[in-house]
């Protein structure tokens, strides 16, 4: 049986960037309970256990507006309280300068 990758176009770009560079990561990790209805639950797009870092790919459609931004902030605080470095990677940055954005993210730095 072959696993099927279910991902957005943005996530596929990031997945390919990391795979091409042979960087070890987990994709779609349910570190905070996945898609549970509990406030603050999350599926993390990319998790790097070696550095306790996780990346959230922030598409404009799902992550803009008062309610999504509040939910995202709660998730981020919960992760940071657990000792994770959280890097939010925005759609606009990926589309404008993919390599630079992801190189900075590998250093634990956000652009937005």
N, C-alpha and C. Protein backbone atom coordinates (compact mmCIF):
# COMPACT_ATOMS: atom_id res chain seq x y z
N UNK A 1 0.84 -1.18 0.00
CA UNK A 1 0.00 0.00 0.00
C UNK A 1 0.89 1.24 0.00
N UNK A 2 0.56 2.22 -0.82
CA UNK A 2 1.32 3.46 -0.93
C UNK A 2 0.57 4.56 -0.21
N UNK A 3 1.26 5.30 0.66
CA UNK A 3 0.64 6.43 1.36
C UNK A 3 0.47 7.59 0.39
N UNK A 4 -0.64 8.28 0.54
CA UNK A 4 -0.92 9.44 -0.31
C UNK A 4 -0.65 10.71 0.49
N UNK A 5 0.10 11.61 -0.11
CA UNK A 5 0.40 12.88 0.52
C UNK A 5 -0.78 13.83 0.31
N UNK A 6 -1.39 14.27 1.41
CA UNK A 6 -2.49 15.23 1.34
C UNK A 6 -1.93 16.55 1.85
N UNK A 7 -1.76 17.47 0.93
CA UNK A 7 -1.12 18.73 1.31
C UNK A 7 -1.57 19.84 0.38
N UNK A 8 -1.43 21.06 0.88
CA UNK A 8 -1.70 22.22 0.04
C UNK A 8 -0.53 22.42 -0.92
N UNK A 9 -0.74 23.26 -1.91
CA UNK A 9 0.35 23.58 -2.85
C UNK A 9 1.55 24.17 -2.12
N UNK A 10 1.29 25.00 -1.12
CA UNK A 10 2.39 25.61 -0.35
C UNK A 10 3.15 24.55 0.43
N UNK A 11 2.43 23.64 1.06
CA UNK A 11 3.08 22.58 1.82
C UNK A 11 3.92 21.68 0.92
N UNK A 12 3.45 21.45 -0.28
CA UNK A 12 4.21 20.63 -1.23
C UNK A 12 5.52 21.32 -1.59
N UNK A 13 5.49 22.63 -1.80
CA UNK A 13 6.73 23.38 -2.09
C UNK A 13 7.74 23.21 -0.96
N UNK A 14 7.27 23.34 0.27
CA UNK A 14 8.15 23.22 1.44
C UNK A 14 8.64 21.79 1.58
N UNK A 15 7.75 20.83 1.41
CA UNK A 15 8.09 19.40 1.48
C UNK A 15 9.22 19.09 0.49
N UNK A 16 9.08 19.56 -0.73
CA UNK A 16 10.09 19.31 -1.77
C UNK A 16 11.42 20.00 -1.43
N UNK A 17 11.36 21.21 -0.90
CA UNK A 17 12.57 21.94 -0.49
C UNK A 17 13.33 21.13 0.54
N UNK A 18 12.64 20.64 1.56
CA UNK A 18 13.29 19.89 2.64
C UNK A 18 13.80 18.54 2.17
N UNK A 19 13.00 17.84 1.38
CA UNK A 19 13.37 16.52 0.88
C UNK A 19 14.59 16.60 -0.02
N UNK A 20 14.62 17.59 -0.88
CA UNK A 20 15.74 17.79 -1.79
C UNK A 20 17.05 18.01 -1.02
N UNK A 21 16.95 18.64 0.13
CA UNK A 21 18.13 18.94 0.95
C UNK A 21 18.40 17.86 2.00
N UNK A 22 17.59 16.80 1.98
CA UNK A 22 17.73 15.66 2.89
C UNK A 22 17.67 16.07 4.36
N UNK A 23 16.77 16.99 4.66
CA UNK A 23 16.56 17.46 6.02
C UNK A 23 15.49 16.57 6.66
N UNK A 24 15.78 16.07 7.84
CA UNK A 24 14.89 15.16 8.54
C UNK A 24 13.73 15.96 9.17
N UNK A 25 12.49 15.53 8.89
CA UNK A 25 11.31 16.21 9.42
C UNK A 25 10.13 15.25 9.47
N UNK A 26 9.13 15.64 10.24
CA UNK A 26 7.84 14.95 10.25
C UNK A 26 6.85 15.87 9.57
N UNK A 27 5.98 15.30 8.77
CA UNK A 27 4.99 16.08 8.05
C UNK A 27 3.61 15.83 8.65
N UNK A 28 2.87 16.90 8.88
CA UNK A 28 1.51 16.83 9.41
C UNK A 28 1.47 16.09 10.75
N UNK A 29 2.33 16.50 11.66
CA UNK A 29 2.40 15.90 12.99
C UNK A 29 1.26 16.38 13.86
N UNK A 30 0.62 15.47 14.54
CA UNK A 30 -0.51 15.82 15.41
C UNK A 30 -0.03 16.04 16.84
N UNK A 31 0.96 16.89 16.97
CA UNK A 31 1.60 17.18 18.24
C UNK A 31 0.63 17.71 19.30
N UNK A 32 -0.33 18.49 18.88
CA UNK A 32 -1.30 19.08 19.83
C UNK A 32 -2.71 18.54 19.61
N UNK A 33 -2.85 17.29 19.28
CA UNK A 33 -4.18 16.71 19.17
C UNK A 33 -4.83 16.81 17.81
N UNK A 34 -4.09 17.17 16.82
CA UNK A 34 -4.63 17.19 15.46
C UNK A 34 -5.77 18.14 15.27
N UNK A 35 -6.79 17.67 14.57
CA UNK A 35 -7.92 18.52 14.22
C UNK A 35 -9.04 18.46 15.25
N UNK A 36 -8.70 18.15 16.49
CA UNK A 36 -9.71 18.12 17.56
C UNK A 36 -10.37 19.48 17.67
N UNK A 37 -11.55 19.51 18.19
CA UNK A 37 -12.27 20.77 18.33
C UNK A 37 -11.80 21.59 19.53
N UNK A 38 -10.92 21.03 20.32
CA UNK A 38 -10.41 21.73 21.50
C UNK A 38 -9.62 22.97 21.07
N UNK A 39 -9.87 24.07 21.75
CA UNK A 39 -9.16 25.31 21.44
C UNK A 39 -7.67 25.12 21.66
N UNK A 40 -6.89 25.44 20.67
CA UNK A 40 -5.45 25.30 20.77
C UNK A 40 -4.92 24.00 20.20
N UNK A 41 -5.80 23.07 19.80
CA UNK A 41 -5.33 21.84 19.18
C UNK A 41 -4.77 22.17 17.80
N UNK A 42 -3.87 21.33 17.31
CA UNK A 42 -3.24 21.65 16.03
C UNK A 42 -2.58 20.44 15.42
N UNK A 43 -2.53 20.44 14.11
CA UNK A 43 -1.65 19.56 13.36
C UNK A 43 -0.56 20.47 12.83
N UNK A 44 0.68 20.16 13.16
CA UNK A 44 1.81 20.99 12.74
C UNK A 44 2.26 20.53 11.37
N UNK A 45 2.49 21.48 10.48
CA UNK A 45 2.84 21.15 9.11
C UNK A 45 4.19 20.44 9.02
N UNK A 46 5.19 20.97 9.70
CA UNK A 46 6.53 20.38 9.67
C UNK A 46 7.13 20.43 11.07
N UNK A 47 7.61 19.30 11.54
CA UNK A 47 8.21 19.21 12.87
C UNK A 47 9.64 18.69 12.72
N UNK A 48 10.55 19.37 13.39
CA UNK A 48 11.96 19.01 13.39
C UNK A 48 12.33 18.68 14.83
N UNK A 49 12.24 17.41 15.19
CA UNK A 49 12.46 16.99 16.58
C UNK A 49 13.89 17.21 17.03
N UNK A 50 14.84 17.14 16.11
CA UNK A 50 16.25 17.34 16.47
C UNK A 50 16.51 18.72 17.07
N UNK A 51 15.72 19.70 16.66
CA UNK A 51 15.92 21.07 17.13
C UNK A 51 14.72 21.62 17.91
N UNK A 52 13.73 20.77 18.17
CA UNK A 52 12.50 21.21 18.86
C UNK A 52 11.90 22.43 18.18
N UNK A 53 11.82 22.34 16.86
CA UNK A 53 11.27 23.43 16.05
C UNK A 53 10.10 22.90 15.24
N UNK A 54 9.09 23.72 15.07
CA UNK A 54 7.99 23.34 14.18
C UNK A 54 7.64 24.53 13.28
N UNK A 55 7.20 24.19 12.09
CA UNK A 55 6.81 25.20 11.11
C UNK A 55 5.32 25.09 10.87
N UNK A 56 4.68 26.24 10.82
CA UNK A 56 3.27 26.31 10.44
C UNK A 56 3.21 27.10 9.14
N UNK A 57 2.66 26.47 8.11
CA UNK A 57 2.51 27.14 6.82
C UNK A 57 1.19 27.91 6.88
N UNK A 58 1.31 29.23 6.75
CA UNK A 58 0.18 30.11 6.99
C UNK A 58 -0.39 30.64 5.68
N UNK A 59 -1.31 29.88 5.11
CA UNK A 59 -2.00 30.33 3.90
C UNK A 59 -2.94 31.47 4.23
N UNK A 60 -3.05 32.42 3.34
CA UNK A 60 -3.86 33.61 3.58
C UNK A 60 -5.33 33.27 3.83
N UNK A 61 -5.86 32.29 3.14
CA UNK A 61 -7.29 31.97 3.23
C UNK A 61 -7.67 31.47 4.62
N UNK A 62 -6.85 30.58 5.21
CA UNK A 62 -7.21 29.95 6.47
C UNK A 62 -6.66 30.65 7.70
N UNK A 63 -5.74 31.59 7.53
CA UNK A 63 -5.06 32.15 8.70
C UNK A 63 -5.19 33.66 8.84
N UNK A 64 -6.07 34.28 8.09
CA UNK A 64 -6.30 35.73 8.24
C UNK A 64 -7.68 35.97 8.82
N UNK A 65 -7.78 36.97 9.65
CA UNK A 65 -9.05 37.31 10.29
C UNK A 65 -8.94 37.11 11.79
N UNK A 66 -9.83 37.73 12.52
CA UNK A 66 -9.75 37.73 13.99
C UNK A 66 -9.80 36.33 14.60
N UNK A 67 -10.75 35.51 14.18
CA UNK A 67 -10.89 34.18 14.77
C UNK A 67 -9.70 33.27 14.45
N UNK A 68 -9.30 33.15 13.18
CA UNK A 68 -8.13 32.31 12.89
C UNK A 68 -6.85 32.82 13.56
N UNK A 69 -6.67 34.13 13.59
CA UNK A 69 -5.46 34.68 14.19
C UNK A 69 -5.42 34.42 15.69
N UNK A 70 -6.57 34.49 16.36
CA UNK A 70 -6.63 34.19 17.80
C UNK A 70 -6.32 32.72 18.04
N UNK A 71 -6.90 31.83 17.24
CA UNK A 71 -6.64 30.39 17.36
C UNK A 71 -5.17 30.10 17.13
N UNK A 72 -4.59 30.70 16.10
CA UNK A 72 -3.17 30.48 15.79
C UNK A 72 -2.28 30.96 16.93
N UNK A 73 -2.63 32.08 17.55
CA UNK A 73 -1.83 32.62 18.65
C UNK A 73 -1.88 31.69 19.86
N UNK A 74 -3.06 31.15 20.16
CA UNK A 74 -3.18 30.21 21.28
C UNK A 74 -2.33 28.97 21.02
N UNK A 75 -2.39 28.45 19.80
CA UNK A 75 -1.56 27.28 19.46
C UNK A 75 -0.08 27.60 19.65
N UNK A 76 0.33 28.76 19.17
CA UNK A 76 1.73 29.14 19.25
C UNK A 76 2.21 29.23 20.70
N UNK A 77 1.40 29.85 21.54
CA UNK A 77 1.76 29.98 22.96
C UNK A 77 1.86 28.60 23.61
N UNK A 78 0.90 27.74 23.33
CA UNK A 78 0.94 26.37 23.90
C UNK A 78 2.21 25.65 23.49
N UNK A 79 2.56 25.74 22.23
CA UNK A 79 3.78 25.08 21.74
C UNK A 79 5.03 25.66 22.40
N UNK A 80 5.09 26.98 22.50
CA UNK A 80 6.24 27.61 23.12
C UNK A 80 6.35 27.23 24.59
N UNK A 81 5.23 27.11 25.27
CA UNK A 81 5.24 26.69 26.67
C UNK A 81 5.77 25.25 26.82
N UNK A 82 5.62 24.45 25.77
CA UNK A 82 6.13 23.08 25.76
C UNK A 82 7.60 23.02 25.35
N UNK A 83 8.18 24.18 25.04
CA UNK A 83 9.60 24.23 24.69
C UNK A 83 9.90 24.22 23.20
N UNK A 84 8.88 24.34 22.37
CA UNK A 84 9.07 24.35 20.92
C UNK A 84 9.37 25.75 20.41
N UNK A 85 10.21 25.83 19.41
CA UNK A 85 10.39 27.06 18.64
C UNK A 85 9.39 26.97 17.50
N UNK A 86 8.53 27.96 17.38
CA UNK A 86 7.48 27.95 16.37
C UNK A 86 7.82 28.99 15.30
N UNK A 87 7.88 28.54 14.06
CA UNK A 87 8.16 29.43 12.94
C UNK A 87 6.94 29.43 12.04
N UNK A 88 6.32 30.60 11.92
CA UNK A 88 5.19 30.76 11.01
C UNK A 88 5.72 31.24 9.66
N UNK A 89 5.35 30.52 8.63
CA UNK A 89 5.81 30.82 7.28
C UNK A 89 4.59 31.22 6.46
N UNK A 90 4.57 32.47 6.03
CA UNK A 90 3.41 33.02 5.34
C UNK A 90 3.45 32.78 3.83
N UNK A 91 2.28 32.57 3.30
CA UNK A 91 2.08 32.33 1.86
C UNK A 91 2.78 33.39 1.01
N UNK A 92 2.61 34.66 1.35
CA UNK A 92 3.19 35.72 0.54
C UNK A 92 4.72 35.62 0.50
N UNK A 93 5.34 35.27 1.63
CA UNK A 93 6.80 35.12 1.66
C UNK A 93 7.26 33.94 0.82
N UNK A 94 6.53 32.83 0.89
CA UNK A 94 6.88 31.66 0.08
C UNK A 94 6.78 31.96 -1.41
N UNK A 95 5.75 32.68 -1.79
CA UNK A 95 5.54 32.97 -3.20
C UNK A 95 6.56 33.98 -3.73
N UNK A 96 7.00 34.91 -2.89
CA UNK A 96 7.93 35.95 -3.33
C UNK A 96 9.38 35.47 -3.34
N UNK A 97 9.76 34.72 -2.30
CA UNK A 97 11.17 34.32 -2.15
C UNK A 97 11.29 33.03 -1.34
N UNK A 98 10.98 31.95 -1.99
CA UNK A 98 10.91 30.63 -1.38
C UNK A 98 12.22 30.25 -0.67
N UNK A 99 13.33 30.25 -1.40
CA UNK A 99 14.60 29.80 -0.82
C UNK A 99 15.01 30.64 0.39
N UNK A 100 14.92 31.95 0.27
CA UNK A 100 15.30 32.84 1.37
C UNK A 100 14.41 32.59 2.59
N UNK A 101 13.11 32.52 2.37
CA UNK A 101 12.15 32.32 3.45
C UNK A 101 12.45 31.02 4.21
N UNK A 102 12.67 29.94 3.47
CA UNK A 102 12.89 28.65 4.12
C UNK A 102 14.29 28.54 4.73
N UNK A 103 15.25 29.21 4.16
CA UNK A 103 16.59 29.24 4.76
C UNK A 103 16.52 29.95 6.11
N UNK A 104 15.79 31.05 6.17
CA UNK A 104 15.61 31.76 7.44
C UNK A 104 14.84 30.89 8.43
N UNK A 105 13.83 30.20 7.95
CA UNK A 105 13.03 29.33 8.82
C UNK A 105 13.89 28.21 9.42
N UNK A 106 14.83 27.69 8.64
CA UNK A 106 15.74 26.67 9.16
C UNK A 106 16.60 27.21 10.30
N UNK A 107 16.78 28.50 10.33
CA UNK A 107 17.52 29.16 11.41
C UNK A 107 16.60 29.53 12.58
N UNK A 108 15.31 29.20 12.45
CA UNK A 108 14.35 29.50 13.50
C UNK A 108 13.82 30.91 13.44
N UNK A 109 13.94 31.55 12.28
CA UNK A 109 13.54 32.95 12.14
C UNK A 109 12.33 33.09 11.21
N UNK A 110 11.40 33.95 11.62
CA UNK A 110 10.23 34.27 10.81
C UNK A 110 10.47 35.55 10.05
N UNK A 111 9.81 35.69 8.91
CA UNK A 111 9.91 36.93 8.15
C UNK A 111 8.80 37.89 8.50
N UNK A 112 7.59 37.37 8.69
CA UNK A 112 6.42 38.21 8.89
C UNK A 112 6.43 38.91 10.17
